[in-house]
Amino acid sequence: TVSPWFYELFSPRRSGLKDFLGSHGVQTREMYRPIPSQSIYPGLGENYPVAHRVGEEGLWLPSFVQLCDDQIQYICNLIQDFFRD
């Protein structure tokens, strides 16, 4: 099994997906706030739509070297179940 170092997805329903996965024992993490929105960079504002999309919709999924194929399939199945609703 080869597990990716980082694996992420983007969804406008990120919060609901994060809660759904968490309720099934799958820990996730929201991606970092976009750099242009941080106070140390005043004036950058909305000039970076991709950065803002990543910050608002990005979700990191489990990724570690011990992650086995069955666990990956379980996570994929849960994501499919979430988006079927």
N, C-alpha and C. Protein backbone atom coordinates (compact mmCIF):
# COMPACT_ATOMS: atom_id res chain seq x y z
N THR A 1 0.84 -1.19 0.00
CA THR A 1 0.00 0.00 0.00
C THR A 1 0.88 1.24 0.00
N VAL A 2 0.54 2.19 -0.83
CA VAL A 2 1.23 3.47 -0.84
C VAL A 2 0.21 4.54 -0.50
N SER A 3 0.42 5.19 0.61
CA SER A 3 -0.48 6.25 1.04
C SER A 3 0.09 7.60 0.65
N PRO A 4 -0.74 8.50 0.16
CA PRO A 4 -0.24 9.83 -0.20
C PRO A 4 0.20 10.60 1.04
N TRP A 5 1.16 11.48 0.85
CA TRP A 5 1.63 12.30 1.96
C TRP A 5 0.52 13.24 2.42
N PHE A 6 -0.11 13.91 1.50
CA PHE A 6 -1.28 14.76 1.78
C PHE A 6 -2.33 14.44 0.75
N TYR A 7 -3.56 14.38 1.20
CA TYR A 7 -4.65 14.17 0.26
C TYR A 7 -5.78 15.08 0.67
N GLU A 8 -6.24 15.88 -0.25
CA GLU A 8 -7.26 16.86 0.06
C GLU A 8 -8.38 16.83 -0.96
N LEU A 9 -9.47 17.45 -0.59
CA LEU A 9 -10.55 17.66 -1.54
C LEU A 9 -11.13 19.04 -1.29
N PHE A 10 -11.93 19.49 -2.23
CA PHE A 10 -12.56 20.80 -2.15
C PHE A 10 -14.06 20.61 -2.27
N SER A 11 -14.80 21.25 -1.37
CA SER A 11 -16.25 21.14 -1.42
C SER A 11 -16.89 22.36 -0.78
N PRO A 12 -17.92 22.91 -1.43
CA PRO A 12 -18.66 23.99 -0.79
C PRO A 12 -19.43 23.49 0.44
N ARG A 13 -19.50 22.17 0.59
CA ARG A 13 -20.17 21.55 1.75
C ARG A 13 -19.14 21.00 2.75
N ARG A 14 -18.00 21.65 2.82
CA ARG A 14 -16.89 21.16 3.63
C ARG A 14 -17.28 20.91 5.08
N SER A 15 -17.97 21.84 5.70
CA SER A 15 -18.31 21.70 7.11
C SER A 15 -19.17 20.46 7.36
N GLY A 16 -20.18 20.27 6.52
CA GLY A 16 -21.04 19.10 6.65
C GLY A 16 -20.29 17.81 6.42
N LEU A 17 -19.40 17.80 5.43
CA LEU A 17 -18.61 16.61 5.15
C LEU A 17 -17.67 16.30 6.31
N LYS A 18 -17.05 17.33 6.85
CA LYS A 18 -16.15 17.14 7.99
C LYS A 18 -16.90 16.52 9.16
N ASP A 19 -18.09 17.05 9.46
CA ASP A 19 -18.90 16.51 10.56
C ASP A 19 -19.33 15.08 10.28
N PHE A 20 -19.74 14.80 9.04
CA PHE A 20 -20.18 13.46 8.66
C PHE A 20 -19.04 12.46 8.81
N LEU A 21 -17.87 12.79 8.29
CA LEU A 21 -16.74 11.88 8.40
C LEU A 21 -16.35 11.69 9.87
N GLY A 22 -16.35 12.77 10.62
CA GLY A 22 -16.02 12.68 12.04
C GLY A 22 -16.97 11.78 12.80
N SER A 23 -18.26 11.82 12.43
CA SER A 23 -19.24 10.97 13.11
C SER A 23 -19.03 9.49 12.80
N HIS A 24 -18.23 9.21 11.76
CA HIS A 24 -17.90 7.84 11.39
C HIS A 24 -16.44 7.49 11.73
N GLY A 25 -15.84 8.29 12.60
CA GLY A 25 -14.49 7.99 13.08
C GLY A 25 -13.36 8.41 12.17
N VAL A 26 -13.64 9.26 11.19
CA VAL A 26 -12.60 9.72 10.26
C VAL A 26 -12.25 11.16 10.59
N GLN A 27 -11.03 11.37 11.04
CA GLN A 27 -10.59 12.72 11.38
C GLN A 27 -10.10 13.44 10.12
N THR A 28 -10.49 14.70 10.01
CA THR A 28 -10.06 15.55 8.89
C THR A 28 -9.58 16.87 9.47
N ARG A 29 -9.06 17.70 8.60
CA ARG A 29 -8.61 19.02 9.03
C ARG A 29 -8.85 20.02 7.91
N GLU A 30 -9.41 21.16 8.27
CA GLU A 30 -9.61 22.21 7.29
C GLU A 30 -8.26 22.76 6.87
N MET A 31 -8.19 23.18 5.62
CA MET A 31 -6.95 23.77 5.12
C MET A 31 -6.75 25.14 5.77
N TYR A 32 -5.53 25.63 5.66
CA TYR A 32 -5.19 26.90 6.27
C TYR A 32 -5.99 28.05 5.68
N ARG A 33 -6.18 29.07 6.53
CA ARG A 33 -6.80 30.30 6.03
C ARG A 33 -5.92 30.85 4.91
N PRO A 34 -6.55 31.45 3.90
CA PRO A 34 -5.73 31.99 2.81
C PRO A 34 -4.82 33.12 3.29
N ILE A 35 -3.59 33.10 2.82
CA ILE A 35 -2.63 34.12 3.22
C ILE A 35 -3.15 35.53 2.97
N PRO A 36 -3.80 35.81 1.83
CA PRO A 36 -4.27 37.18 1.60
C PRO A 36 -5.28 37.67 2.63
N SER A 37 -5.90 36.77 3.39
CA SER A 37 -6.89 37.20 4.37
C SER A 37 -6.28 37.41 5.75
N GLN A 38 -5.01 37.14 5.92
CA GLN A 38 -4.38 37.28 7.23
C GLN A 38 -3.95 38.72 7.46
N SER A 39 -4.09 39.15 8.70
CA SER A 39 -3.87 40.56 9.03
C SER A 39 -2.45 41.05 8.75
N ILE A 40 -1.49 40.15 8.70
CA ILE A 40 -0.12 40.55 8.43
C ILE A 40 0.06 41.05 6.99
N TYR A 41 -0.90 40.74 6.13
CA TYR A 41 -0.85 41.16 4.73
C TYR A 41 -2.01 42.08 4.41
N PRO A 42 -2.04 43.27 4.97
CA PRO A 42 -3.16 44.17 4.73
C PRO A 42 -3.22 44.61 3.26
N GLY A 43 -4.41 44.75 2.78
CA GLY A 43 -4.61 45.27 1.43
C GLY A 43 -4.63 44.23 0.34
N LEU A 44 -4.33 42.98 0.63
CA LEU A 44 -4.37 41.96 -0.42
C LEU A 44 -5.80 41.59 -0.78
N GLY A 45 -6.65 41.56 0.22
CA GLY A 45 -8.08 41.37 0.00
C GLY A 45 -8.45 40.18 -0.85
N GLU A 46 -9.35 40.42 -1.79
CA GLU A 46 -9.95 39.36 -2.61
C GLU A 46 -9.25 39.15 -3.94
N ASN A 47 -8.03 39.64 -4.09
CA ASN A 47 -7.34 39.53 -5.37
C ASN A 47 -6.82 38.13 -5.67
N TYR A 48 -7.08 37.18 -4.79
CA TYR A 48 -6.56 35.82 -4.95
C TYR A 48 -7.69 34.81 -4.77
N PRO A 49 -8.55 34.69 -5.78
CA PRO A 49 -9.73 33.83 -5.63
C PRO A 49 -9.41 32.36 -5.38
N VAL A 50 -8.34 31.85 -5.95
CA VAL A 50 -7.99 30.44 -5.73
C VAL A 50 -7.58 30.23 -4.28
N ALA A 51 -6.78 31.13 -3.74
CA ALA A 51 -6.38 31.01 -2.33
C ALA A 51 -7.60 31.03 -1.42
N HIS A 52 -8.56 31.88 -1.73
CA HIS A 52 -9.77 31.96 -0.91
C HIS A 52 -10.61 30.69 -1.05
N ARG A 53 -10.67 30.13 -2.24
CA ARG A 53 -11.42 28.89 -2.42
C ARG A 53 -10.78 27.75 -1.62
N VAL A 54 -9.47 27.66 -1.68
CA VAL A 54 -8.76 26.63 -0.91
C VAL A 54 -9.06 26.82 0.58
N GLY A 55 -8.99 28.05 1.07
CA GLY A 55 -9.24 28.31 2.48
C GLY A 55 -10.66 28.05 2.91
N GLU A 56 -11.61 28.23 2.01
CA GLU A 56 -13.03 28.07 2.35
C GLU A 56 -13.56 26.66 2.08
N GLU A 57 -12.99 25.96 1.11
CA GLU A 57 -13.54 24.67 0.70
C GLU A 57 -12.58 23.50 0.88
N GLY A 58 -11.33 23.76 1.21
CA GLY A 58 -10.34 22.70 1.28
C GLY A 58 -10.42 21.90 2.57
N LEU A 59 -10.31 20.59 2.44
CA LEU A 59 -10.35 19.68 3.57
C LEU A 59 -9.28 18.61 3.40
N TRP A 60 -8.40 18.49 4.39
CA TRP A 60 -7.40 17.44 4.35
C TRP A 60 -7.99 16.15 4.89
N LEU A 61 -7.78 15.09 4.16
CA LEU A 61 -8.23 13.77 4.55
C LEU A 61 -7.08 13.02 5.24
N PRO A 62 -7.39 11.93 5.94
CA PRO A 62 -6.32 11.17 6.57
C PRO A 62 -5.28 10.74 5.54
N SER A 63 -4.03 10.89 5.91
CA SER A 63 -2.94 10.44 5.05
C SER A 63 -1.73 10.19 5.94
N PHE A 64 -1.39 8.95 6.08
CA PHE A 64 -0.23 8.56 6.85
C PHE A 64 0.24 7.21 6.36
N VAL A 65 1.47 6.88 6.61
CA VAL A 65 2.06 5.69 5.99
C VAL A 65 1.40 4.39 6.43
N GLN A 66 0.75 4.38 7.59
CA GLN A 66 0.11 3.15 8.06
C GLN A 66 -1.32 2.98 7.53
N LEU A 67 -1.80 3.93 6.77
CA LEU A 67 -3.16 3.86 6.22
C LEU A 67 -3.23 2.71 5.21
N CYS A 68 -4.12 1.77 5.45
CA CYS A 68 -4.19 0.61 4.56
C CYS A 68 -5.30 0.77 3.52
N ASP A 69 -5.29 -0.09 2.53
CA ASP A 69 -6.26 -0.02 1.43
C ASP A 69 -7.70 -0.07 1.94
N ASP A 70 -7.97 -0.92 2.93
CA ASP A 70 -9.34 -1.02 3.46
C ASP A 70 -9.78 0.30 4.09
N GLN A 71 -8.88 0.98 4.77
CA GLN A 71 -9.22 2.26 5.37
C GLN A 71 -9.46 3.32 4.30
N ILE A 72 -8.65 3.30 3.28
CA ILE A 72 -8.83 4.25 2.18
C ILE A 72 -10.18 4.01 1.51
N GLN A 73 -10.52 2.76 1.28
CA GLN A 73 -11.81 2.42 0.66
C GLN A 73 -12.97 2.85 1.56
N TYR A 74 -12.83 2.67 2.86
CA TYR A 74 -13.86 3.08 3.82
C TYR A 74 -14.10 4.59 3.72
N ILE A 75 -13.03 5.36 3.70
CA ILE A 75 -13.15 6.82 3.60
C ILE A 75 -13.80 7.21 2.27
N CYS A 76 -13.37 6.59 1.19
CA CYS A 76 -13.95 6.89 -0.13
C CYS A 76 -15.44 6.57 -0.16
N ASN A 77 -15.81 5.43 0.42
CA ASN A 77 -17.22 5.06 0.46
C ASN A 77 -18.04 6.06 1.27
N LEU A 78 -17.50 6.51 2.39
CA LEU A 78 -18.20 7.51 3.20
C LEU A 78 -18.40 8.82 2.42
N ILE A 79 -17.38 9.25 1.71
CA ILE A 79 -17.49 10.48 0.92
C ILE A 79 -18.56 10.32 -0.15
N GLN A 80 -18.59 9.18 -0.79
CA GLN A 80 -19.63 8.92 -1.80
C GLN A 80 -21.02 8.93 -1.15
N ASP A 81 -21.14 8.32 0.00
CA ASP A 81 -22.43 8.31 0.71
C ASP A 81 -22.87 9.73 1.05
N PHE A 82 -21.96 10.55 1.51
CA PHE A 82 -22.29 11.93 1.88
C PHE A 82 -22.84 12.69 0.67
N PHE A 83 -22.19 12.55 -0.48
CA PHE A 83 -22.60 13.32 -1.65
C PHE A 83 -23.81 12.73 -2.37
N ARG A 84 -24.22 11.53 -2.00
CA ARG A 84 -25.45 10.98 -2.57
C ARG A 84 -26.67 11.68 -2.02
N ASP A 85 -26.57 12.20 -0.81
CA ASP A 85 -27.73 12.86 -0.17
C ASP A 85 -27.97 14.23 -0.72
